[in-house]
Amino acid sequence: MTDIINILRQHSFLVIALVKCGLLLFILLTVLAYLSLFERKVLAHIQSRWGPYRVGPHGLLQPLADGLKFLFKEDPMPAGVDRFVFLLAPFLSLALALTSLAVIPFGPQPLRFSILGTQYETSLGIVDLNIGLLVLFAITALGVYGVALAGWASNSKYPLLGGLRSSAQMMSYELALTMSVVGVILMAGSFNLREIVTAQEGRMFFGLLPRWNVIAGPFPQIIGFFCYFVAAIAETNRAPFDLPEAESELVAGFNTEYASFKFAMFFMGEYANMITVSCLATIMFFGGWTSPFPSAWSWTHFIPSALLAVLGVLLLIDGIRYETILGKLVLPGVGTALCALSALLLFFAPVNNYIQGPFWFLLKVFIFIFFYVWMRGTLPRFRYDQLMAIGWKILLPLSIANVLLTSLGILKWGLR
């Protein structure tokens, strides 16, 4: 036993990294499952429908039912496929999507804890790299391989066309996506994501508005943010840029021949890419984990506790009036747990102070994901020539102009 403890102490960095990877995977896979429920619910309300409602109270167990269905569903493989590449493509898409989140920092303060009398400190993220932004773009740029290989290996015309469309689309919008963040890099003077957030700390205009890159000088990055977010939606193949899987033209596009859990892996990879894009938009343009309110407004520190309390009370009331026995048991239980967590944050100041950064970061990410879903339920799909024209004729020139204007602003007025 003593030898095991000594080995763990000698390799503490590796052990902590493995534990963080396991926790991130568990949390992320759970979130990916419930993002599908969230999207279906929001789209249903936009279109005046109920959405998933039967499996569990308010359909909360629908992701579990979907997972079991994918796990036990028949998994046919078409004749003539390249078996190895056919199986590799969904794994590659999901693995790259999950790996890209390893360089995302989720909060400012390191986590300090003690194990067997030894003090440890680790950041709120898997790894903190000085070139984190470059690594992130390098990983996401490889995502085209999963889609292209899926279309080619399927030995079918519709998946092949979907794979070719996706390859052309991703390559086109990758240029605008990369150029759109160059202005932020110039203003921060670093590729480190944590340092980019740190550069946005502080206030401007009478101490009220935050110094976020989207509105701060020497040249506000509103153009860069517009180019980034439009290009990112196209990069993730989401509506209205979902031409690689257009049902009316290509049946289901590059994943037409996929079923069972391999199809679910493509699905999960798409949602993971949405989270990555939202995290990066939050870090690059909207201050990351910094609060939108001045630090002098101490009452804003109780916003997380208040939101948990309100949500807990609503669940308690809804659970009492719910029509099924399961709902009457589960919803009040969850509501009580949220109220208890709210009380913990209210009466334990160190815990409340520590979660401020992750709370604001995740709230901003959630807003971007909601916007993703809102666009899918609102905008029609572009024609393919329109999609390519937007990337080459609008976004790329705009992103280059943004870099030039930001550079001129820095030369004339200097950094803040």
Protein backbone atom coordinates (compact mmCIF):
# COMPACT_ATOMS: atom_id res chain seq x y z
CA MET A 1 0.00 0.00 0.00
CA THR A 2 2.85 2.36 0.86
CA ASP A 3 4.48 1.66 -2.50
CA ILE A 4 1.25 2.54 -4.32
CA ILE A 5 0.95 5.81 -2.40
CA ASN A 6 4.55 6.71 -3.23
CA ILE A 7 3.99 5.95 -6.91
CA LEU A 8 0.87 8.15 -6.94
CA ARG A 9 2.79 10.98 -5.31
CA GLN A 10 5.63 10.69 -7.81
CA HIS A 11 3.22 10.76 -10.75
CA SER A 12 0.62 13.09 -9.22
CA PHE A 13 0.44 15.29 -12.33
CA LEU A 14 -0.46 12.31 -14.53
CA VAL A 15 -2.99 10.97 -12.01
CA ILE A 16 -4.71 14.37 -11.68
CA ALA A 17 -4.80 14.75 -15.48
CA LEU A 18 -6.40 11.30 -15.87
CA VAL A 19 -9.00 12.08 -13.19
CA LYS A 20 -9.83 15.40 -14.87
CA CYS A 21 -10.15 13.67 -18.26
CA GLY A 22 -12.53 11.11 -16.77
CA LEU A 23 -14.66 13.77 -15.07
CA LEU A 24 -14.75 15.92 -18.21
CA LEU A 25 -15.77 12.94 -20.35
CA PHE A 26 -18.52 11.92 -17.93
CA ILE A 27 -19.92 15.45 -17.65
CA LEU A 28 -19.56 16.13 -21.37
CA LEU A 29 -21.22 12.91 -22.53
CA THR A 30 -24.11 13.57 -20.12
CA VAL A 31 -24.44 17.13 -21.42
CA LEU A 32 -24.35 15.91 -25.04
CA ALA A 33 -27.22 13.53 -24.31
CA TYR A 34 -29.33 16.26 -22.78
CA LEU A 35 -28.47 18.79 -25.46
CA SER A 36 -30.49 16.64 -27.87
CA LEU A 37 -33.45 16.87 -25.48
CA PHE A 38 -32.93 20.61 -25.09
CA GLU A 39 -32.87 21.13 -28.86
CA ARG A 40 -35.99 19.03 -29.43
CA LYS A 41 -37.85 20.87 -26.66
CA VAL A 42 -36.88 24.33 -27.90
CA LEU A 43 -37.73 23.50 -31.52
CA ALA A 44 -41.05 22.06 -30.39
CA HIS A 45 -41.98 25.26 -28.55
CA ILE A 46 -40.89 27.38 -31.53
CA GLN A 47 -43.20 25.29 -33.74
CA SER A 48 -46.04 25.09 -31.15
CA ARG A 49 -45.52 21.40 -30.33
CA TRP A 50 -44.93 19.48 -27.11
CA GLY A 51 -41.72 17.70 -28.03
CA PRO A 52 -40.52 14.68 -25.99
CA TYR A 53 -42.83 14.39 -22.99
CA ARG A 54 -43.60 10.75 -22.21
CA VAL A 55 -40.34 9.16 -21.05
CA GLY A 56 -39.93 10.41 -17.50
CA PRO A 57 -41.29 13.70 -16.10
CA HIS A 58 -41.21 16.32 -18.87
CA GLY A 59 -39.30 13.81 -21.02
CA LEU A 60 -36.17 13.98 -18.83
CA LEU A 61 -35.40 10.29 -19.40
CA GLN A 62 -35.69 10.58 -23.19
CA PRO A 63 -31.86 10.67 -23.66
CA LEU A 64 -31.62 7.37 -21.77
CA ALA A 65 -34.26 5.84 -24.03
CA ASP A 66 -32.47 7.15 -27.13
CA GLY A 67 -29.16 5.74 -25.90
CA LEU A 68 -30.66 2.30 -25.31
CA LYS A 69 -32.29 2.41 -28.73
CA PHE A 70 -29.00 3.25 -30.45
CA LEU A 71 -27.19 0.56 -28.45
CA PHE A 72 -29.55 -2.29 -29.36
CA LYS A 73 -30.62 -1.16 -32.83
CA GLU A 74 -29.66 -3.29 -35.83
CA ASP A 75 -26.33 -2.18 -37.27
CA PRO A 76 -26.22 -3.10 -40.97
CA MET A 77 -23.15 -2.49 -43.13
CA PRO A 78 -23.65 -1.93 -46.88
CA ALA A 79 -21.92 -4.18 -49.37
CA GLY A 80 -18.70 -2.92 -50.91
CA VAL A 81 -17.72 -0.50 -48.13
CA ASP A 82 -14.19 -0.02 -46.92
CA ARG A 83 -14.80 -1.64 -43.55
CA PHE A 84 -11.89 -0.11 -41.64
CA VAL A 85 -12.48 3.46 -42.87
CA PHE A 86 -16.25 3.05 -42.51
CA LEU A 87 -15.81 2.21 -38.82
CA LEU A 88 -13.04 4.77 -38.30
CA ALA A 89 -14.99 7.80 -39.55
CA PRO A 90 -17.56 8.16 -36.70
CA PHE A 91 -14.92 7.40 -34.07
CA LEU A 92 -12.63 10.05 -35.59
CA SER A 93 -15.39 12.67 -35.65
CA LEU A 94 -16.31 12.14 -32.01
CA ALA A 95 -12.73 11.78 -30.76
CA LEU A 96 -11.56 15.02 -32.39
CA ALA A 97 -14.64 16.88 -31.15
CA LEU A 98 -14.03 15.74 -27.57
CA THR A 99 -10.27 16.35 -27.74
CA SER A 100 -10.73 19.98 -28.74
CA LEU A 101 -12.35 20.69 -25.36
CA ALA A 102 -9.18 19.63 -23.54
CA VAL A 103 -7.56 23.05 -24.08
CA ILE A 104 -10.60 25.08 -22.95
CA PRO A 105 -10.17 26.77 -19.51
CA PHE A 106 -13.46 26.92 -17.61
CA GLY A 107 -12.53 29.30 -14.82
CA PRO A 108 -9.85 31.68 -13.49
CA GLN A 109 -9.01 30.22 -10.10
CA PRO A 110 -7.03 27.00 -9.70
CA LEU A 111 -8.55 24.20 -7.68
CA ARG A 112 -6.62 23.46 -4.48
CA PHE A 113 -7.10 20.22 -2.56
CA SER A 114 -5.28 17.85 -0.25
CA ILE A 115 -4.76 14.08 -0.62
CA LEU A 116 -2.99 12.05 2.06
CA GLY A 117 -1.57 15.20 3.59
CA THR A 118 -0.12 16.49 0.32
CA GLN A 119 -1.39 19.75 -1.19
CA TYR A 120 -2.16 19.88 -4.89
CA GLU A 121 -3.22 22.64 -7.26
CA THR A 122 -4.72 22.24 -10.73
CA SER A 123 -6.44 24.49 -13.26
CA LEU A 124 -10.09 24.28 -14.29
CA GLY A 125 -9.27 22.58 -17.55
CA ILE A 126 -7.33 19.61 -18.80
CA VAL A 127 -4.26 21.50 -19.98
CA ASP A 128 -3.17 25.14 -20.13
CA LEU A 129 -1.07 25.71 -23.26
CA ASN A 130 0.71 28.87 -24.36
CA ILE A 131 -0.43 28.11 -27.92
CA GLY A 132 -3.85 26.81 -26.90
CA LEU A 133 -5.68 28.64 -29.69
CA LEU A 134 -3.40 27.19 -32.36
CA VAL A 135 -3.82 23.68 -30.95
CA LEU A 136 -7.58 24.11 -30.87
CA PHE A 137 -7.74 25.21 -34.50
CA ALA A 138 -5.40 22.40 -35.52
CA ILE A 139 -7.66 19.79 -33.90
CA THR A 140 -10.91 21.23 -35.26
CA ALA A 141 -9.41 21.52 -38.77
CA LEU A 142 -8.94 17.74 -38.75
CA GLY A 143 -12.68 17.26 -38.20
CA VAL A 144 -13.29 17.34 -41.94
CA TYR A 145 -11.60 13.96 -42.23
CA GLY A 146 -14.35 12.17 -40.30
CA VAL A 147 -17.08 13.50 -42.60
CA ALA A 148 -15.08 13.06 -45.81
CA LEU A 149 -14.03 9.51 -44.93
CA ALA A 150 -17.61 8.60 -43.99
CA GLY A 151 -18.88 9.77 -47.38
CA TRP A 152 -16.13 8.01 -49.32
CA ALA A 153 -16.14 4.72 -47.40
CA SER A 154 -19.92 4.26 -47.67
CA ASN A 155 -19.66 3.28 -51.37
CA SER A 156 -22.85 5.21 -52.13
CA LYS A 157 -23.50 8.30 -54.22
CA TYR A 158 -25.47 10.34 -51.67
CA PRO A 159 -22.91 9.98 -48.84
CA LEU A 160 -20.12 10.74 -51.32
CA LEU A 161 -21.81 13.96 -52.42
CA GLY A 162 -22.41 14.90 -48.78
CA GLY A 163 -18.77 14.25 -47.91
CA LEU A 164 -17.55 16.35 -50.85
CA ARG A 165 -19.92 19.17 -49.93
CA SER A 166 -18.75 19.11 -46.33
CA SER A 167 -15.08 19.12 -47.33
CA ALA A 168 -15.53 22.13 -49.61
CA GLN A 169 -17.67 23.92 -47.02
CA MET A 170 -15.28 23.36 -44.12
CA MET A 171 -12.22 24.38 -46.11
CA SER A 172 -13.93 27.53 -47.36
CA TYR A 173 -15.15 28.71 -43.98
CA GLU A 174 -11.96 27.66 -42.15
CA LEU A 175 -10.16 30.64 -43.70
CA ALA A 176 -12.75 33.16 -42.51
CA LEU A 177 -12.93 31.46 -39.10
CA THR A 178 -9.17 31.71 -38.59
CA MET A 179 -8.89 35.30 -39.85
CA SER A 180 -11.80 36.45 -37.67
CA VAL A 181 -9.86 35.84 -34.43
CA VAL A 182 -6.59 37.47 -35.55
CA GLY A 183 -7.83 40.84 -34.30
CA VAL A 184 -8.37 39.36 -30.83
CA ILE A 185 -4.87 37.87 -30.88
CA LEU A 186 -3.40 41.26 -31.79
CA MET A 187 -5.27 42.95 -28.94
CA ALA A 188 -4.34 40.30 -26.37
CA GLY A 189 -0.81 39.67 -27.64
CA SER A 190 -1.05 35.96 -26.88
CA PHE A 191 -2.32 32.60 -28.14
CA ASN A 192 -3.00 31.48 -24.58
CA LEU A 193 -6.76 31.32 -23.98
CA ARG A 194 -6.41 32.18 -20.30
CA GLU A 195 -4.32 35.26 -21.09
CA ILE A 196 -6.88 36.34 -23.72
CA VAL A 197 -9.55 36.34 -21.00
CA THR A 198 -7.26 38.14 -18.56
CA ALA A 199 -6.71 40.89 -21.14
CA GLN A 200 -10.46 41.55 -21.10
CA GLU A 201 -10.70 42.14 -17.36
CA GLY A 202 -11.55 45.64 -16.19
CA ARG A 203 -14.15 48.30 -16.96
CA MET A 204 -14.66 51.18 -19.35
CA PHE A 205 -17.16 54.03 -19.79
CA PHE A 206 -17.77 55.18 -16.20
CA GLY A 207 -16.87 51.78 -14.79
CA LEU A 208 -20.04 50.11 -16.06
CA LEU A 209 -19.41 48.38 -19.39
CA PRO A 210 -17.06 45.39 -19.34
CA ARG A 211 -13.84 45.55 -21.34
CA TRP A 212 -14.79 42.66 -23.61
CA ASN A 213 -13.20 42.44 -27.02
CA VAL A 214 -16.52 42.70 -28.82
CA ILE A 215 -16.96 46.32 -27.64
CA ALA A 216 -13.52 47.40 -26.35
CA GLY A 217 -10.81 49.42 -28.07
CA PRO A 218 -8.66 50.15 -29.86
CA PHE A 219 -11.01 48.58 -32.42
CA PRO A 220 -14.14 46.71 -31.21
CA GLN A 221 -14.28 43.20 -32.61
CA ILE A 222 -17.96 43.22 -33.58
CA ILE A 223 -17.03 42.47 -37.21
CA GLY A 224 -14.68 39.72 -36.10
CA PHE A 225 -17.38 38.18 -33.92
CA PHE A 226 -19.91 38.26 -36.75
CA CYS A 227 -17.47 36.56 -39.12
CA TYR A 228 -16.44 34.04 -36.47
CA PHE A 229 -19.92 32.96 -35.47
CA VAL A 230 -21.29 32.66 -39.01
CA ALA A 231 -18.21 30.70 -40.10
CA ALA A 232 -18.41 28.52 -36.99
CA ILE A 233 -22.04 27.60 -37.73
CA ALA A 234 -20.99 26.58 -41.23
CA GLU A 235 -17.99 24.67 -39.85
CA THR A 236 -20.26 22.60 -37.61
CA ASN A 237 -22.69 21.88 -40.48
CA ARG A 238 -25.63 23.36 -38.62
CA ALA A 239 -28.71 24.99 -40.16
CA PRO A 240 -28.91 27.12 -42.23
CA PHE A 241 -25.54 25.75 -43.45
CA ASP A 242 -26.41 22.03 -43.19
CA LEU A 243 -25.93 21.31 -46.90
CA PRO A 244 -23.79 18.17 -46.31
CA GLU A 245 -26.82 16.40 -44.81
CA ALA A 246 -29.69 18.05 -46.70
CA GLU A 247 -32.61 15.63 -46.44
CA SER A 248 -34.40 16.98 -49.50
CA GLU A 249 -31.34 16.49 -51.72
CA LEU A 250 -29.05 13.84 -50.21
CA VAL A 251 -31.39 11.69 -48.05
CA ALA A 252 -29.16 12.27 -45.01
CA GLY A 253 -25.85 13.18 -46.60
CA PHE A 254 -22.56 11.73 -45.44
CA ASN A 255 -24.18 9.59 -42.69
CA THR A 256 -26.89 8.04 -44.87
CA GLU A 257 -25.48 4.51 -44.55
CA TYR A 258 -24.80 4.76 -40.82
CA ALA A 259 -27.13 3.39 -38.15
CA SER A 260 -27.11 2.40 -34.51
CA PHE A 261 -24.33 3.75 -32.30
CA LYS A 262 -22.15 4.85 -35.23
CA PHE A 263 -24.85 7.33 -36.22
CA ALA A 264 -25.06 8.46 -32.58
CA MET A 265 -21.31 9.16 -32.60
CA PHE A 266 -21.73 11.59 -35.52
CA PHE A 267 -24.61 13.17 -33.64
CA MET A 268 -22.58 13.54 -30.45
CA GLY A 269 -19.61 14.92 -32.39
CA GLU A 270 -21.81 17.65 -33.84
CA TYR A 271 -23.04 18.71 -30.40
CA ALA A 272 -19.49 18.61 -28.99
CA ASN A 273 -18.39 20.94 -31.81
CA MET A 274 -21.24 23.29 -30.91
CA ILE A 275 -19.97 23.43 -27.33
CA THR A 276 -16.39 24.06 -28.48
CA VAL A 277 -17.47 26.89 -30.79
CA SER A 278 -19.58 28.46 -28.02
CA CYS A 279 -16.73 28.19 -25.50
CA LEU A 280 -14.30 29.82 -27.91
CA ALA A 281 -16.74 32.63 -28.75
CA THR A 282 -17.15 33.29 -25.03
CA ILE A 283 -13.40 33.38 -24.44
CA MET A 284 -12.40 35.39 -27.51
CA PHE A 285 -15.12 38.03 -27.63
CA PHE A 286 -17.22 38.07 -24.44
CA GLY A 287 -14.75 38.03 -21.59
CA GLY A 288 -14.77 34.31 -20.78
CA TRP A 289 -15.58 33.89 -17.09
CA THR A 290 -15.63 37.63 -16.28
CA SER A 291 -18.90 39.00 -14.93
CA PRO A 292 -20.84 41.58 -16.97
CA PHE A 293 -21.41 43.54 -13.74
CA PRO A 294 -18.88 45.72 -11.87
CA SER A 295 -17.16 43.96 -8.98
CA ALA A 296 -18.40 46.73 -6.66
CA TRP A 297 -21.93 45.39 -7.10
CA SER A 298 -21.60 42.72 -4.44
CA TRP A 299 -25.23 41.65 -4.80
CA THR A 300 -24.43 40.10 -8.20
CA HIS A 301 -22.42 37.39 -6.41
CA PHE A 302 -25.73 35.95 -5.23
CA ILE A 303 -27.18 35.56 -8.73
CA PRO A 304 -26.16 31.85 -9.01
CA SER A 305 -27.75 31.11 -5.63
CA ALA A 306 -30.92 33.02 -6.54
CA LEU A 307 -31.29 31.21 -9.88
CA LEU A 308 -30.89 27.82 -8.21
CA ALA A 309 -33.46 28.76 -5.56
CA VAL A 310 -36.01 29.96 -8.13
CA LEU A 311 -35.53 26.85 -10.25
CA GLY A 312 -35.82 24.62 -7.18
CA VAL A 313 -39.07 26.27 -6.06
CA LEU A 314 -40.55 25.99 -9.57
CA LEU A 315 -39.69 22.27 -9.67
CA LEU A 316 -41.25 21.75 -6.23
CA ILE A 317 -44.49 23.42 -7.31
CA ASP A 318 -44.54 21.60 -10.64
CA GLY A 319 -43.82 18.25 -8.97
CA ILE A 320 -46.73 18.63 -6.58
CA ARG A 321 -49.11 19.26 -9.49
CA TYR A 322 -47.58 16.70 -11.87
CA GLU A 323 -49.92 13.99 -13.14
CA THR A 324 -47.72 10.88 -12.77
CA ILE A 325 -46.35 9.24 -9.62
CA LEU A 326 -42.79 9.31 -10.99
CA GLY A 327 -43.06 13.03 -11.60
CA LYS A 328 -44.45 13.63 -8.13
CA LEU A 329 -41.40 11.86 -6.69
CA VAL A 330 -38.59 12.99 -8.97
CA LEU A 331 -39.36 16.68 -9.55
CA PRO A 332 -39.75 17.65 -5.85
CA GLY A 333 -36.59 15.67 -5.08
CA VAL A 334 -34.59 17.56 -7.69
CA GLY A 335 -36.14 20.84 -6.54
CA THR A 336 -35.17 20.15 -2.95
CA ALA A 337 -31.59 19.34 -4.03
CA LEU A 338 -31.36 22.62 -5.94
CA CYS A 339 -32.69 24.59 -2.96
CA ALA A 340 -30.11 22.88 -0.72
CA LEU A 341 -27.36 23.76 -3.18
CA SER A 342 -28.62 27.34 -3.25
CA ALA A 343 -28.41 27.48 0.55
CA LEU A 344 -24.86 26.09 0.41
CA LEU A 345 -23.78 28.88 -1.92
CA LEU A 346 -25.60 31.46 0.19
CA PHE A 347 -24.02 30.56 3.53
CA PHE A 348 -20.55 29.39 2.41
CA ALA A 349 -18.81 32.40 0.91
CA PRO A 350 -15.66 30.55 -0.32
CA VAL A 351 -17.77 28.15 -2.39
CA ASN A 352 -19.91 31.00 -3.73
CA ASN A 353 -16.85 33.05 -4.69
CA TYR A 354 -15.18 30.10 -6.38
CA ILE A 355 -18.10 29.26 -8.69
CA GLN A 356 -18.55 32.83 -9.96
CA GLY A 357 -16.15 32.36 -12.89
CA PRO A 358 -17.48 28.96 -14.07
CA PHE A 359 -21.07 30.19 -13.62
CA TRP A 360 -20.68 33.20 -15.93
CA PHE A 361 -18.65 31.19 -18.41
CA LEU A 362 -21.22 28.38 -18.68
CA LEU A 363 -24.11 30.86 -18.80
CA LYS A 364 -22.59 32.60 -21.84
CA VAL A 365 -21.93 29.22 -23.49
CA PHE A 366 -25.56 28.23 -22.88
CA ILE A 367 -26.77 31.45 -24.55
CA PHE A 368 -24.73 30.67 -27.67
CA ILE A 369 -26.05 27.11 -27.79
CA PHE A 370 -29.61 28.41 -27.47
CA PHE A 371 -28.90 30.74 -30.40
CA TYR A 372 -27.73 27.71 -32.41
CA VAL A 373 -31.04 25.96 -31.79
CA TRP A 374 -33.05 29.14 -32.40
CA MET A 375 -31.44 29.56 -35.82
CA ARG A 376 -32.25 25.96 -36.76
CA GLY A 377 -35.91 26.49 -35.95
CA THR A 378 -36.09 29.86 -37.73
CA LEU A 379 -33.94 30.10 -40.86
CA PRO A 380 -34.31 28.08 -44.08
CA ARG A 381 -31.38 26.25 -45.66
CA PHE A 382 -29.21 28.18 -48.13
CA ARG A 383 -28.57 27.01 -51.66
CA TYR A 384 -25.10 25.60 -52.13
CA ASP A 385 -23.94 28.43 -54.39
CA GLN A 386 -25.20 30.95 -51.82
CA LEU A 387 -23.34 29.13 -49.06
CA MET A 388 -20.04 29.23 -50.94
CA ALA A 389 -20.56 32.87 -51.97
CA ILE A 390 -21.11 33.94 -48.35
CA GLY A 391 -17.84 32.33 -47.30
CA TRP A 392 -15.61 33.60 -50.12
CA LYS A 393 -17.24 36.92 -51.07
CA ILE A 394 -18.48 38.25 -47.72
CA LEU A 395 -16.90 36.63 -44.66
CA LEU A 396 -13.31 36.34 -45.90
CA PRO A 397 -13.03 39.98 -47.11
CA LEU A 398 -14.74 41.20 -43.91
CA SER A 399 -12.39 39.20 -41.68
CA ILE A 400 -9.33 40.52 -43.54
CA ALA A 401 -10.66 44.08 -43.27
CA ASN A 402 -11.16 43.53 -39.54
CA VAL A 403 -7.50 42.50 -39.16
CA LEU A 404 -6.32 45.59 -41.05
CA LEU A 405 -8.53 47.99 -39.06
CA THR A 406 -7.50 46.42 -35.76
CA SER A 407 -3.82 46.73 -36.71
CA LEU A 408 -4.28 50.39 -37.66
CA GLY A 409 -6.13 51.03 -34.40
CA ILE A 410 -3.30 49.48 -32.38
CA LEU A 411 -0.69 51.51 -34.27
CA LYS A 412 -2.57 54.79 -33.75
CA TRP A 413 -3.91 54.41 -30.20
CA GLY A 414 -1.90 51.50 -28.86
CA LEU A 415 -3.25 48.74 -26.69
CA ARG A 416 -5.67 49.76 -23.93
